[in-house]
Amino acid sequence: MGLLNVEMILRSLNLQPKSVVEEKLRELETGKNNIDHRYSQAMKESERLLKIFEDNI
């Protein structure tokens, strides 16, 4: 929702063409997806390490 607000503001100010705004929004979404994936991977790894730790106590 926040990204849509940014797009609406930029359009209303006519600062950038719609295609540029759309490309930037795609880049932001890709970055968010990459962060989400890395977070998920880190959580899996922390769970794996915690299990190893607990098994060795």
C-alpha atoms as a PDB file:
ATOM      1  CA  MET A   1       0.000   0.000   0.000  1.00  0.00           C
ATOM      2  CA  GLY A   2       2.847   2.370   0.792  1.00  0.00           C
ATOM      3  CA  LEU A   3       4.362   1.889  -2.658  1.00  0.00           C
ATOM      4  CA  LEU A   4       1.065   2.763  -4.284  1.00  0.00           C
ATOM      5  CA  ASN A   5       0.989   6.008  -2.308  1.00  0.00           C
ATOM      6  CA  VAL A   6       4.475   6.861  -3.561  1.00  0.00           C
ATOM      7  CA  GLU A   7       3.395   6.182  -7.123  1.00  0.00           C
ATOM      8  CA  MET A   8       0.308   8.382  -6.760  1.00  0.00           C
ATOM      9  CA  ILE A   9       2.376  11.228  -5.279  1.00  0.00           C
ATOM     10  CA  LEU A  10       4.964  11.045  -8.066  1.00  0.00           C
ATOM     11  CA  ARG A  11       2.256  10.957 -10.710  1.00  0.00           C
ATOM     12  CA  SER A  12       0.422  13.904  -9.200  1.00  0.00           C
ATOM     13  CA  LEU A  13       3.653  15.924  -9.153  1.00  0.00           C
ATOM     14  CA  ASN A  14       4.551  14.797 -12.672  1.00  0.00           C
ATOM     15  CA  LEU A  15       8.126  14.188 -11.562  1.00  0.00           C
ATOM     16  CA  GLN A  16       8.649  11.028 -13.574  1.00  0.00           C
ATOM     17  CA  PRO A  17       6.937   9.234 -16.435  1.00  0.00           C
ATOM     18  CA  LYS A  18       4.618   6.407 -15.441  1.00  0.00           C
ATOM     19  CA  SER A  19       6.953   3.793 -16.961  1.00  0.00           C
ATOM     20  CA  VAL A  20       9.863   4.991 -14.789  1.00  0.00           C
ATOM     21  CA  VAL A  21       7.699   4.857 -11.671  1.00  0.00           C
ATOM     22  CA  GLU A  22       6.483   1.365 -12.578  1.00  0.00           C
ATOM     23  CA  GLU A  23      10.060   0.169 -13.119  1.00  0.00           C
ATOM     24  CA  LYS A  24      11.136   1.588  -9.747  1.00  0.00           C
ATOM     25  CA  LEU A  25       8.168  -0.117  -8.080  1.00  0.00           C
ATOM     26  CA  ARG A  26       9.179  -3.439  -9.677  1.00  0.00           C
ATOM     27  CA  GLU A  27      12.741  -2.951  -8.422  1.00  0.00           C
ATOM     28  CA  LEU A  28      11.463  -2.265  -4.906  1.00  0.00           C
ATOM     29  CA  GLU A  29       9.214  -5.349  -5.010  1.00  0.00           C
ATOM     30  CA  THR A  30      12.127  -7.488  -6.227  1.00  0.00           C
ATOM     31  CA  GLY A  31      14.294  -6.150  -3.407  1.00  0.00           C
ATOM     32  CA  LYS A  32      11.541  -6.891  -0.877  1.00  0.00           C
ATOM     33  CA  ASN A  33      11.185 -10.432  -2.214  1.00  0.00           C
ATOM     34  CA  ASN A  34      14.952 -10.953  -1.949  1.00  0.00           C
ATOM     35  CA  ILE A  35      14.939  -9.715   1.648  1.00  0.00           C
ATOM     36  CA  ASP A  36      11.952 -11.936   2.483  1.00  0.00           C
ATOM     37  CA  HIS A  37      13.759 -14.945   0.996  1.00  0.00           C
ATOM     38  CA  ARG A  38      16.997 -14.210   2.849  1.00  0.00           C
ATOM     39  CA  TYR A  39      15.059 -13.748   6.117  1.00  0.00           C
ATOM     40  CA  SER A  40      13.309 -17.082   5.589  1.00  0.00           C
ATOM     41  CA  GLN A  41      16.640 -18.798   4.885  1.00  0.00           C
ATOM     42  CA  ALA A  42      18.209 -17.223   7.989  1.00  0.00           C
ATOM     43  CA  MET A  43      15.302 -18.378  10.148  1.00  0.00           C
ATOM     44  CA  LYS A  44      15.663 -21.952   8.846  1.00  0.00           C
ATOM     45  CA  GLU A  45      19.396 -21.865   9.529  1.00  0.00           C
ATOM     46  CA  SER A  46      18.886 -20.504  13.063  1.00  0.00           C
ATOM     47  CA  GLU A  47      16.345 -23.258  13.770  1.00  0.00           C
ATOM     48  CA  ARG A  48      18.817 -25.855  12.469  1.00  0.00           C
ATOM     49  CA  LEU A  49      21.619 -24.491  14.649  1.00  0.00           C
ATOM     50  CA  LEU A  50      19.349 -24.301  17.698  1.00  0.00           C
ATOM     51  CA  LYS A  51      18.405 -27.959  17.224  1.00  0.00           C
ATOM     52  CA  ILE A  52      22.083 -28.933  17.048  1.00  0.00           C
ATOM     53  CA  PHE A  53      22.759 -26.895  20.193  1.00  0.00           C
ATOM     54  CA  GLU A  54      19.818 -28.437  22.065  1.00  0.00           C
ATOM     55  CA  ASP A  55      20.825 -31.946  21.004  1.00  0.00           C
ATOM     56  CA  ASN A  56      24.286 -31.406  22.457  1.00  0.00           C
ATOM     57  CA  ILE A  57      23.232 -30.116  25.859  1.00  0.00           C
END
